[in-house]
Every structure is written in structure tokens, then in C-alpha cells.
N, C-alpha and C. Protein backbone atom coordinates (compact mmCIF):
# COMPACT_ATOMS: atom_id res chain seq x y z
N UNK A 1 0.85 -1.18 0.00
CA UNK A 1 0.00 0.00 0.00
C UNK A 1 0.89 1.24 0.00
N UNK A 2 0.44 2.28 -0.68
CA UNK A 2 1.21 3.52 -0.73
C UNK A 2 0.27 4.71 -0.68
N UNK A 3 0.87 5.85 -0.48
CA UNK A 3 0.16 7.12 -0.61
C UNK A 3 0.95 7.96 -1.58
N UNK A 4 0.26 8.87 -2.23
CA UNK A 4 0.90 9.72 -3.22
C UNK A 4 0.73 11.17 -2.79
N UNK A 5 1.80 11.93 -2.84
CA UNK A 5 1.80 13.33 -2.43
C UNK A 5 2.16 14.21 -3.62
N UNK A 6 1.38 15.24 -3.81
CA UNK A 6 1.67 16.25 -4.83
C UNK A 6 1.87 17.57 -4.09
N UNK A 7 3.07 18.14 -4.24
CA UNK A 7 3.42 19.38 -3.56
C UNK A 7 3.60 20.47 -4.62
N UNK A 8 2.84 21.54 -4.47
CA UNK A 8 2.98 22.69 -5.37
C UNK A 8 3.45 23.88 -4.54
N UNK A 9 4.50 24.55 -5.03
CA UNK A 9 5.00 25.75 -4.36
C UNK A 9 4.87 26.91 -5.33
N UNK A 10 4.64 28.11 -4.77
CA UNK A 10 4.46 29.26 -5.63
C UNK A 10 4.51 30.55 -4.83
N UNK A 11 4.73 31.63 -5.57
CA UNK A 11 4.67 32.99 -5.02
C UNK A 11 3.47 33.70 -5.61
N UNK A 12 2.90 34.59 -4.82
CA UNK A 12 1.76 35.36 -5.30
C UNK A 12 2.22 36.54 -6.13
N UNK A 13 1.36 36.96 -7.05
CA UNK A 13 1.61 38.18 -7.79
C UNK A 13 1.58 39.34 -6.80
N UNK A 14 2.38 40.39 -7.03
CA UNK A 14 2.43 41.50 -6.07
C UNK A 14 1.07 42.13 -5.76
N UNK A 15 0.17 42.15 -6.73
CA UNK A 15 -1.13 42.78 -6.52
C UNK A 15 -2.15 41.86 -5.84
N UNK A 16 -1.77 40.63 -5.58
CA UNK A 16 -2.69 39.67 -4.99
C UNK A 16 -2.83 39.90 -3.49
N UNK A 17 -4.05 39.94 -3.04
CA UNK A 17 -4.35 40.03 -1.60
C UNK A 17 -4.16 38.65 -0.98
N UNK A 18 -3.32 38.57 0.04
CA UNK A 18 -3.10 37.30 0.73
C UNK A 18 -4.40 36.79 1.36
N UNK A 19 -5.18 37.69 1.93
CA UNK A 19 -6.44 37.30 2.55
C UNK A 19 -7.39 36.72 1.50
N UNK A 20 -7.51 37.37 0.36
CA UNK A 20 -8.37 36.87 -0.71
C UNK A 20 -7.89 35.50 -1.19
N UNK A 21 -6.58 35.36 -1.38
CA UNK A 21 -6.02 34.09 -1.83
C UNK A 21 -6.28 32.99 -0.81
N UNK A 22 -6.00 33.24 0.44
CA UNK A 22 -6.20 32.23 1.49
C UNK A 22 -7.67 31.84 1.62
N UNK A 23 -8.57 32.82 1.47
CA UNK A 23 -10.01 32.52 1.50
C UNK A 23 -10.41 31.65 0.32
N UNK A 24 -9.89 31.96 -0.86
CA UNK A 24 -10.18 31.13 -2.04
C UNK A 24 -9.73 29.68 -1.81
N UNK A 25 -8.52 29.51 -1.33
CA UNK A 25 -8.01 28.15 -1.11
C UNK A 25 -8.87 27.43 -0.07
N UNK A 26 -9.17 28.09 1.04
CA UNK A 26 -9.94 27.45 2.12
C UNK A 26 -11.39 27.17 1.74
N UNK A 27 -12.01 28.10 1.03
CA UNK A 27 -13.44 27.99 0.78
C UNK A 27 -13.79 27.34 -0.56
N UNK A 28 -12.87 27.39 -1.52
CA UNK A 28 -13.17 26.87 -2.86
C UNK A 28 -12.22 25.74 -3.26
N UNK A 29 -10.92 26.01 -3.26
CA UNK A 29 -9.96 25.06 -3.78
C UNK A 29 -9.94 23.75 -2.98
N UNK A 30 -9.74 23.83 -1.68
CA UNK A 30 -9.66 22.61 -0.87
C UNK A 30 -10.95 21.79 -0.96
N UNK A 31 -12.13 22.39 -0.76
CA UNK A 31 -13.35 21.57 -0.87
C UNK A 31 -13.54 20.94 -2.25
N UNK A 32 -13.15 21.64 -3.31
CA UNK A 32 -13.30 21.11 -4.67
C UNK A 32 -12.42 19.89 -4.88
N UNK A 33 -11.15 19.99 -4.54
CA UNK A 33 -10.22 18.88 -4.75
C UNK A 33 -10.55 17.72 -3.81
N UNK A 34 -10.96 18.02 -2.59
CA UNK A 34 -11.29 16.97 -1.62
C UNK A 34 -12.47 16.11 -2.07
N UNK A 35 -13.30 16.61 -2.98
CA UNK A 35 -14.43 15.83 -3.51
C UNK A 35 -13.98 14.79 -4.53
N UNK A 36 -12.76 14.92 -5.00
CA UNK A 36 -12.25 13.98 -6.00
C UNK A 36 -11.99 12.62 -5.36
N UNK A 37 -12.39 11.58 -6.06
CA UNK A 37 -12.21 10.22 -5.57
C UNK A 37 -10.72 9.96 -5.31
N UNK A 38 -10.42 9.47 -4.11
CA UNK A 38 -9.05 9.11 -3.77
C UNK A 38 -8.26 10.20 -3.08
N UNK A 39 -8.80 11.41 -2.99
CA UNK A 39 -8.09 12.48 -2.28
C UNK A 39 -8.28 12.29 -0.78
N UNK A 40 -7.20 12.17 -0.05
CA UNK A 40 -7.24 11.90 1.39
C UNK A 40 -6.96 13.14 2.22
N UNK A 41 -6.44 14.17 1.61
CA UNK A 41 -6.16 15.39 2.36
C UNK A 41 -5.53 16.44 1.48
N UNK A 42 -5.68 17.69 1.91
CA UNK A 42 -5.10 18.81 1.18
C UNK A 42 -4.89 19.92 2.18
N UNK A 43 -3.72 20.53 2.15
CA UNK A 43 -3.45 21.62 3.08
C UNK A 43 -2.67 22.72 2.40
N UNK A 44 -2.83 23.91 2.95
CA UNK A 44 -2.10 25.10 2.49
C UNK A 44 -1.05 25.41 3.55
N UNK A 45 0.18 25.58 3.10
CA UNK A 45 1.28 25.97 3.99
C UNK A 45 1.74 27.36 3.60
N UNK A 46 2.05 28.17 4.56
CA UNK A 46 2.47 29.54 4.34
C UNK A 46 3.97 29.67 4.56
N UNK A 47 4.63 30.43 3.67
CA UNK A 47 6.06 30.70 3.85
C UNK A 47 6.94 29.48 3.72
N UNK A 48 6.81 28.76 2.63
CA UNK A 48 7.52 27.48 2.45
C UNK A 48 8.97 27.68 2.04
N UNK A 49 9.87 27.01 2.76
CA UNK A 49 11.28 26.89 2.37
C UNK A 49 11.64 25.43 2.57
N UNK A 50 12.07 24.78 1.51
CA UNK A 50 12.38 23.36 1.61
C UNK A 50 13.85 23.08 1.40
N UNK A 51 14.25 21.87 1.69
CA UNK A 51 15.65 21.48 1.54
C UNK A 51 16.08 21.42 0.08
N UNK A 52 15.15 21.17 -0.83
CA UNK A 52 15.47 20.98 -2.23
C UNK A 52 15.54 22.29 -3.01
N UNK A 53 15.32 23.41 -2.32
CA UNK A 53 15.40 24.70 -3.00
C UNK A 53 15.93 25.76 -2.06
N UNK A 54 16.65 26.70 -2.60
CA UNK A 54 17.13 27.83 -1.79
C UNK A 54 16.16 29.00 -1.88
N UNK A 55 15.20 28.90 -2.77
CA UNK A 55 14.21 29.96 -2.95
C UNK A 55 13.11 29.83 -1.91
N UNK A 56 12.69 30.95 -1.36
CA UNK A 56 11.56 30.96 -0.43
C UNK A 56 10.29 31.16 -1.26
N UNK A 57 9.27 30.40 -0.93
CA UNK A 57 7.99 30.52 -1.61
C UNK A 57 6.95 31.05 -0.64
N UNK A 58 6.00 31.84 -1.16
CA UNK A 58 4.95 32.39 -0.32
C UNK A 58 4.06 31.29 0.25
N UNK A 59 3.76 30.29 -0.58
CA UNK A 59 2.83 29.23 -0.17
C UNK A 59 3.21 27.90 -0.80
N UNK A 60 2.68 26.85 -0.22
CA UNK A 60 2.74 25.51 -0.80
C UNK A 60 1.41 24.84 -0.52
N UNK A 61 0.98 24.01 -1.44
CA UNK A 61 -0.17 23.15 -1.18
C UNK A 61 0.33 21.72 -1.26
N UNK A 62 -0.20 20.90 -0.38
CA UNK A 62 0.15 19.48 -0.37
C UNK A 62 -1.14 18.69 -0.49
N UNK A 63 -1.20 17.87 -1.53
CA UNK A 63 -2.33 16.98 -1.74
C UNK A 63 -1.88 15.57 -1.37
N UNK A 64 -2.73 14.85 -0.66
CA UNK A 64 -2.45 13.47 -0.28
C UNK A 64 -3.50 12.59 -0.97
N UNK A 65 -3.02 11.63 -1.74
CA UNK A 65 -3.88 10.75 -2.52
C UNK A 65 -3.67 9.31 -2.12
N UNK A 66 -4.69 8.49 -2.30
CA UNK A 66 -4.57 7.08 -1.95
C UNK A 66 -3.60 6.35 -2.86
N UNK A 67 -3.38 6.88 -4.08
CA UNK A 67 -2.46 6.23 -5.02
C UNK A 67 -2.13 7.20 -6.16
N UNK A 68 -1.09 6.82 -6.89
CA UNK A 68 -0.73 7.57 -8.11
C UNK A 68 -1.91 7.54 -9.07
N UNK A 69 -2.52 6.40 -9.21
CA UNK A 69 -3.65 6.23 -10.14
C UNK A 69 -4.80 7.18 -9.80
N UNK A 70 -5.16 7.28 -8.51
CA UNK A 70 -6.24 8.17 -8.09
C UNK A 70 -5.91 9.62 -8.45
N UNK A 71 -4.67 10.00 -8.22
CA UNK A 71 -4.23 11.37 -8.55
C UNK A 71 -4.35 11.62 -10.05
N UNK A 72 -3.83 10.70 -10.84
CA UNK A 72 -3.87 10.86 -12.31
C UNK A 72 -5.31 10.91 -12.82
N UNK A 73 -6.17 10.06 -12.29
CA UNK A 73 -7.57 10.06 -12.72
C UNK A 73 -8.27 11.36 -12.34
N UNK A 74 -8.00 11.87 -11.15
CA UNK A 74 -8.63 13.12 -10.70
C UNK A 74 -8.21 14.29 -11.56
N UNK A 75 -6.95 14.28 -11.99
CA UNK A 75 -6.43 15.39 -12.80
C UNK A 75 -6.53 15.12 -14.29
N UNK A 76 -7.25 14.08 -14.69
CA UNK A 76 -7.52 13.85 -16.10
C UNK A 76 -6.46 13.07 -16.83
N UNK A 77 -5.55 12.42 -16.12
CA UNK A 77 -4.50 11.63 -16.76
C UNK A 77 -3.38 12.50 -17.29
N UNK A 78 -2.33 11.88 -17.79
CA UNK A 78 -1.20 12.64 -18.31
C UNK A 78 -1.60 13.42 -19.57
N UNK A 79 -1.21 14.66 -19.62
CA UNK A 79 -1.53 15.52 -20.76
C UNK A 79 -0.29 16.32 -21.11
N UNK A 80 0.10 16.30 -22.36
CA UNK A 80 1.30 17.03 -22.79
C UNK A 80 1.18 18.52 -22.54
N UNK A 81 0.00 19.06 -22.75
CA UNK A 81 -0.17 20.51 -22.62
C UNK A 81 -0.31 20.95 -21.16
N UNK A 82 -0.46 20.01 -20.25
CA UNK A 82 -0.56 20.35 -18.84
C UNK A 82 -1.87 21.02 -18.44
N UNK A 83 -2.87 20.98 -19.31
CA UNK A 83 -4.15 21.62 -19.01
C UNK A 83 -4.93 20.77 -18.02
N UNK A 84 -5.61 21.41 -17.08
CA UNK A 84 -6.42 20.65 -16.13
C UNK A 84 -7.66 20.07 -16.82
N UNK A 85 -8.27 19.06 -16.22
CA UNK A 85 -9.51 18.53 -16.80
C UNK A 85 -10.60 19.59 -16.77
N UNK A 86 -11.60 19.47 -17.63
CA UNK A 86 -12.62 20.52 -17.74
C UNK A 86 -13.29 20.90 -16.42
N UNK A 87 -13.55 19.94 -15.53
CA UNK A 87 -14.23 20.28 -14.28
C UNK A 87 -13.34 21.06 -13.31
N UNK A 88 -12.02 20.97 -13.46
CA UNK A 88 -11.11 21.72 -12.59
C UNK A 88 -10.57 22.99 -13.23
N UNK A 89 -10.82 23.16 -14.51
CA UNK A 89 -10.26 24.33 -15.22
C UNK A 89 -10.65 25.67 -14.58
N UNK A 90 -11.92 25.91 -14.22
CA UNK A 90 -12.26 27.20 -13.62
C UNK A 90 -11.50 27.47 -12.32
N UNK A 91 -11.29 26.43 -11.54
CA UNK A 91 -10.57 26.59 -10.27
C UNK A 91 -9.08 26.83 -10.51
N UNK A 92 -8.50 26.09 -11.46
CA UNK A 92 -7.09 26.29 -11.79
C UNK A 92 -6.87 27.66 -12.39
N UNK A 93 -7.78 28.10 -13.25
CA UNK A 93 -7.65 29.44 -13.84
C UNK A 93 -7.65 30.50 -12.74
N UNK A 94 -8.53 30.34 -11.78
CA UNK A 94 -8.59 31.32 -10.68
C UNK A 94 -7.33 31.23 -9.82
N UNK A 95 -6.90 30.02 -9.51
CA UNK A 95 -5.66 29.86 -8.74
C UNK A 95 -4.50 30.54 -9.46
N UNK A 96 -4.40 30.31 -10.76
CA UNK A 96 -3.30 30.88 -11.53
C UNK A 96 -3.40 32.39 -11.66
N UNK A 97 -4.60 32.95 -11.49
CA UNK A 97 -4.72 34.41 -11.54
C UNK A 97 -4.05 35.07 -10.34
N UNK A 98 -3.84 34.31 -9.27
CA UNK A 98 -3.20 34.83 -8.06
C UNK A 98 -1.68 34.62 -8.06
N UNK A 99 -1.20 33.67 -8.85
CA UNK A 99 0.17 33.16 -8.73
C UNK A 99 1.08 33.66 -9.85
N UNK A 100 2.35 33.96 -9.49
CA UNK A 100 3.35 34.28 -10.50
C UNK A 100 3.68 32.98 -11.25
N UNK A 101 3.39 32.93 -12.55
CA UNK A 101 3.54 31.67 -13.29
C UNK A 101 4.94 31.06 -13.21
N UNK A 102 5.97 31.89 -13.26
CA UNK A 102 7.34 31.35 -13.26
C UNK A 102 7.74 30.77 -11.90
N UNK A 103 6.98 31.04 -10.87
CA UNK A 103 7.32 30.52 -9.55
C UNK A 103 6.71 29.15 -9.28
N UNK A 104 5.72 28.75 -10.04
CA UNK A 104 4.99 27.51 -9.78
C UNK A 104 5.86 26.29 -10.07
N UNK A 105 6.00 25.44 -9.08
CA UNK A 105 6.73 24.19 -9.20
C UNK A 105 5.86 23.08 -8.61
N UNK A 106 5.91 21.90 -9.20
CA UNK A 106 5.18 20.75 -8.68
C UNK A 106 6.15 19.61 -8.47
N UNK A 107 6.11 19.03 -7.29
CA UNK A 107 6.89 17.84 -6.97
C UNK A 107 5.93 16.75 -6.56
N UNK A 108 6.25 15.52 -6.93
CA UNK A 108 5.37 14.41 -6.61
C UNK A 108 6.20 13.31 -5.94
N UNK A 109 5.59 12.72 -4.90
CA UNK A 109 6.28 11.69 -4.12
C UNK A 109 5.33 10.54 -3.85
N UNK A 110 5.86 9.34 -3.90
CA UNK A 110 5.08 8.17 -3.51
C UNK A 110 5.68 7.63 -2.23
N UNK A 111 4.85 7.43 -1.23
CA UNK A 111 5.29 6.91 0.06
C UNK A 111 4.78 5.49 0.23
N UNK A 112 5.69 4.58 0.47
CA UNK A 112 5.33 3.19 0.72
C UNK A 112 4.98 3.02 2.19
N UNK A 113 3.84 2.43 2.46
CA UNK A 113 3.41 2.22 3.85
C UNK A 113 3.68 0.81 4.29
């Protein structure tokens, strides 16, 4: 048995209100993704600095999935263009309206239990 973790780190655009962004994540983003089959948890972290980067990020989100397969199915499978599935597109578009595009990084980890 394993769990799959998707970690996204990013900085906000200078004009973005932190309060508005945090409210969006808490009230819209987290509940939307948590409804996806296989999602076991999702959290927002503030002021992320990790061992794998010297850059400080304003925020990180961590998604916990029951498996790699559940994660891929929820996000519409592998896509060359990186576009979200149609049901998540409005939420991703809004998320990306807050974030500096060049700062967005995604790391994925599989944990064996």
C-alpha cells in the first residue's frame, strides 16, 4: 500500500491580496479537490522553504492521494499541454490568476506504507 503526495509551491503576484487568496483556497480550492475520488487530504502551507530549493515561496499546497492512479484520474490523466480537466479548469484558472507563473513548481512523491 502507498500514498501519493503532490506538492505545489508558488509565489503570489504583487497585486494579490493574501487574505483573498487564502479565502479562495480554504473555501473553494480545498473543498473542490477533496471531492475527487481518492483524495485523502489537502493543506495550504504559508512561507515554504524546503531542503530541495534555496528559494523561499509564499505558499505551498500538499495533496495526499490514496495512489498515483487516483491522482492521475482526478487530474484527467497525463496531458502534454498540462491543461487541467474541464471540471477543474475554472478553479485552476482562478488559482493561476493569483500566482506568478514562473514561480509555480510541482513535486510528486510516492510513500510506501
